[in-house]
């Protein structure tokens, strides 16, 4: 079993949020940016990666994603701002796998 990522995409600071899980963050982020990711991201133009969290096991990433999706929006915003207070697009900081 391989590791995984929980990530958050948005269209702008404090905009619409999408929480997802993947085993390849660079690949999945490119799908969202190209409009071939989720329908939700395509509909709302969510192309900026603002949060990413690595997990050793994909099952742990999936559990974390489910928990985060149940959170209040305020908690999600606080989580983003703890590591990315400027809401910068983190895509360029990824090392392509």
C-alpha atoms as a PDB file:
ATOM      1  CA  UNK A   1       0.000   0.000   0.000  1.00  0.00           C
ATOM      2  CA  UNK A   2       1.357   3.430  -0.943  1.00  0.00           C
ATOM      3  CA  UNK A   3       1.113   6.814   0.729  1.00  0.00           C
ATOM      4  CA  UNK A   4      -1.352   9.535  -0.038  1.00  0.00           C
ATOM      5  CA  UNK A   5      -2.151  13.219   0.142  1.00  0.00           C
ATOM      6  CA  UNK A   6      -5.091  15.222   1.414  1.00  0.00           C
ATOM      7  CA  UNK A   7      -5.298  18.547  -0.389  1.00  0.00           C
ATOM      8  CA  UNK A   8      -7.451  21.646  -0.700  1.00  0.00           C
ATOM      9  CA  UNK A   9      -8.112  23.494  -3.953  1.00  0.00           C
ATOM     10  CA  UNK A  10      -9.716  26.926  -4.316  1.00  0.00           C
ATOM     11  CA  UNK A  11     -10.388  29.607  -6.926  1.00  0.00           C
ATOM     12  CA  UNK A  12      -9.182  32.536  -4.763  1.00  0.00           C
ATOM     13  CA  UNK A  13      -8.395  33.424  -1.163  1.00  0.00           C
ATOM     14  CA  UNK A  14     -11.456  32.670   0.984  1.00  0.00           C
ATOM     15  CA  UNK A  15     -13.239  31.312  -2.091  1.00  0.00           C
ATOM     16  CA  UNK A  16     -14.898  27.968  -2.735  1.00  0.00           C
ATOM     17  CA  UNK A  17     -13.000  25.047  -1.167  1.00  0.00           C
ATOM     18  CA  UNK A  18     -12.584  21.483  -2.424  1.00  0.00           C
ATOM     19  CA  UNK A  19     -10.987  18.779  -0.301  1.00  0.00           C
ATOM     20  CA  UNK A  20      -9.611  15.750  -2.086  1.00  0.00           C
ATOM     21  CA  UNK A  21      -7.323  12.765  -1.630  1.00  0.00           C
ATOM     22  CA  UNK A  22      -4.786  11.301  -4.062  1.00  0.00           C
ATOM     23  CA  UNK A  23      -1.687   9.142  -4.266  1.00  0.00           C
ATOM     24  CA  UNK A  24      -0.016  11.556  -6.723  1.00  0.00           C
ATOM     25  CA  UNK A  25      -0.477  15.195  -5.786  1.00  0.00           C
ATOM     26  CA  UNK A  26       1.323  16.744  -8.801  1.00  0.00           C
ATOM     27  CA  UNK A  27      -0.674  14.608 -11.230  1.00  0.00           C
ATOM     28  CA  UNK A  28      -4.022  15.274  -9.546  1.00  0.00           C
ATOM     29  CA  UNK A  29      -3.332  19.013  -9.252  1.00  0.00           C
ATOM     30  CA  UNK A  30      -2.565  19.158 -12.976  1.00  0.00           C
ATOM     31  CA  UNK A  31      -5.884  17.430 -13.697  1.00  0.00           C
ATOM     32  CA  UNK A  32      -7.732  20.111 -11.741  1.00  0.00           C
ATOM     33  CA  UNK A  33      -5.768  22.899 -13.438  1.00  0.00           C
ATOM     34  CA  UNK A  34      -6.468  21.408 -16.889  1.00  0.00           C
ATOM     35  CA  UNK A  35     -10.180  20.976 -16.156  1.00  0.00           C
ATOM     36  CA  UNK A  36     -10.026  17.182 -16.292  1.00  0.00           C
ATOM     37  CA  UNK A  37     -10.263  16.699 -12.497  1.00  0.00           C
ATOM     38  CA  UNK A  38     -13.534  16.690 -10.630  1.00  0.00           C
ATOM     39  CA  UNK A  39     -16.698  18.225 -12.058  1.00  0.00           C
ATOM     40  CA  UNK A  40     -16.971  20.365  -8.915  1.00  0.00           C
ATOM     41  CA  UNK A  41     -13.535  21.907  -9.451  1.00  0.00           C
ATOM     42  CA  UNK A  42     -14.247  22.521 -13.119  1.00  0.00           C
ATOM     43  CA  UNK A  43     -17.643  24.115 -12.361  1.00  0.00           C
ATOM     44  CA  UNK A  44     -16.187  26.581  -9.839  1.00  0.00           C
ATOM     45  CA  UNK A  45     -12.784  27.120 -11.458  1.00  0.00           C
ATOM     46  CA  UNK A  46     -10.837  25.636  -8.565  1.00  0.00           C
ATOM     47  CA  UNK A  47      -7.284  25.569  -9.878  1.00  0.00           C
ATOM     48  CA  UNK A  48      -5.149  26.753  -6.955  1.00  0.00           C
ATOM     49  CA  UNK A  49      -3.599  24.277  -4.521  1.00  0.00           C
ATOM     50  CA  UNK A  50      -3.602  25.995  -1.114  1.00  0.00           C
ATOM     51  CA  UNK A  51      -3.099  23.073   1.283  1.00  0.00           C
ATOM     52  CA  UNK A  52      -1.452  19.660   1.146  1.00  0.00           C
ATOM     53  CA  UNK A  53      -0.888  17.069   3.843  1.00  0.00           C
ATOM     54  CA  UNK A  54       1.186  13.900   3.302  1.00  0.00           C
ATOM     55  CA  UNK A  55       0.231  10.556   4.840  1.00  0.00           C
ATOM     56  CA  UNK A  56       2.315   7.383   4.912  1.00  0.00           C
ATOM     57  CA  UNK A  57      -0.707   5.215   4.041  1.00  0.00           C
ATOM     58  CA  UNK A  58      -3.496   6.066   1.602  1.00  0.00           C
ATOM     59  CA  UNK A  59      -6.061   4.680   4.044  1.00  0.00           C
ATOM     60  CA  UNK A  60      -4.980   7.324   6.575  1.00  0.00           C
ATOM     61  CA  UNK A  61      -5.294  10.041   3.935  1.00  0.00           C
ATOM     62  CA  UNK A  62      -8.814   8.874   3.070  1.00  0.00           C
ATOM     63  CA  UNK A  63      -9.837   8.898   6.746  1.00  0.00           C
ATOM     64  CA  UNK A  64      -8.415  12.405   7.174  1.00  0.00           C
ATOM     65  CA  UNK A  65     -10.210  13.640   4.035  1.00  0.00           C
ATOM     66  CA  UNK A  66     -13.545  12.334   5.306  1.00  0.00           C
ATOM     67  CA  UNK A  67     -12.997  13.986   8.682  1.00  0.00           C
ATOM     68  CA  UNK A  68     -12.016  17.323   7.123  1.00  0.00           C
ATOM     69  CA  UNK A  69     -15.044  17.324   4.841  1.00  0.00           C
ATOM     70  CA  UNK A  70     -17.236  17.200   7.966  1.00  0.00           C
ATOM     71  CA  UNK A  71     -15.499  20.215   9.504  1.00  0.00           C
ATOM     72  CA  UNK A  72     -16.954  23.695   9.695  1.00  0.00           C
ATOM     73  CA  UNK A  73     -15.657  26.061   7.016  1.00  0.00           C
ATOM     74  CA  UNK A  74     -13.984  28.188   9.692  1.00  0.00           C
ATOM     75  CA  UNK A  75     -11.813  25.226  10.737  1.00  0.00           C
ATOM     76  CA  UNK A  76     -10.762  24.574   7.134  1.00  0.00           C
ATOM     77  CA  UNK A  77      -9.795  28.228   6.629  1.00  0.00           C
ATOM     78  CA  UNK A  78      -7.779  28.183   9.873  1.00  0.00           C
ATOM     79  CA  UNK A  79      -5.967  25.015   8.734  1.00  0.00           C
ATOM     80  CA  UNK A  80      -5.025  26.628   5.415  1.00  0.00           C
ATOM     81  CA  UNK A  81      -3.849  29.832   7.057  1.00  0.00           C
ATOM     82  CA  UNK A  82      -1.637  27.957   9.531  1.00  0.00           C
ATOM     83  CA  UNK A  83       0.622  26.786   6.694  1.00  0.00           C
ATOM     84  CA  UNK A  84      -0.301  29.217   3.909  1.00  0.00           C
ATOM     85  CA  UNK A  85      -1.399  32.605   5.335  1.00  0.00           C
ATOM     86  CA  UNK A  86      -1.116  34.289   1.912  1.00  0.00           C
ATOM     87  CA  UNK A  87      -3.292  31.645   0.208  1.00  0.00           C
ATOM     88  CA  UNK A  88      -0.510  31.223  -2.352  1.00  0.00           C
ATOM     89  CA  UNK A  89      -0.808  28.552  -5.038  1.00  0.00           C
ATOM     90  CA  UNK A  90       1.486  25.767  -3.818  1.00  0.00           C
ATOM     91  CA  UNK A  91       1.656  23.998  -7.184  1.00  0.00           C
ATOM     92  CA  UNK A  92       5.089  25.402  -8.047  1.00  0.00           C
ATOM     93  CA  UNK A  93       6.501  24.066  -4.788  1.00  0.00           C
ATOM     94  CA  UNK A  94       5.642  20.460  -5.695  1.00  0.00           C
ATOM     95  CA  UNK A  95       8.353  18.076  -6.792  1.00  0.00           C
ATOM     96  CA  UNK A  96       6.931  16.197  -9.742  1.00  0.00           C
ATOM     97  CA  UNK A  97       6.683  12.462  -9.042  1.00  0.00           C
END
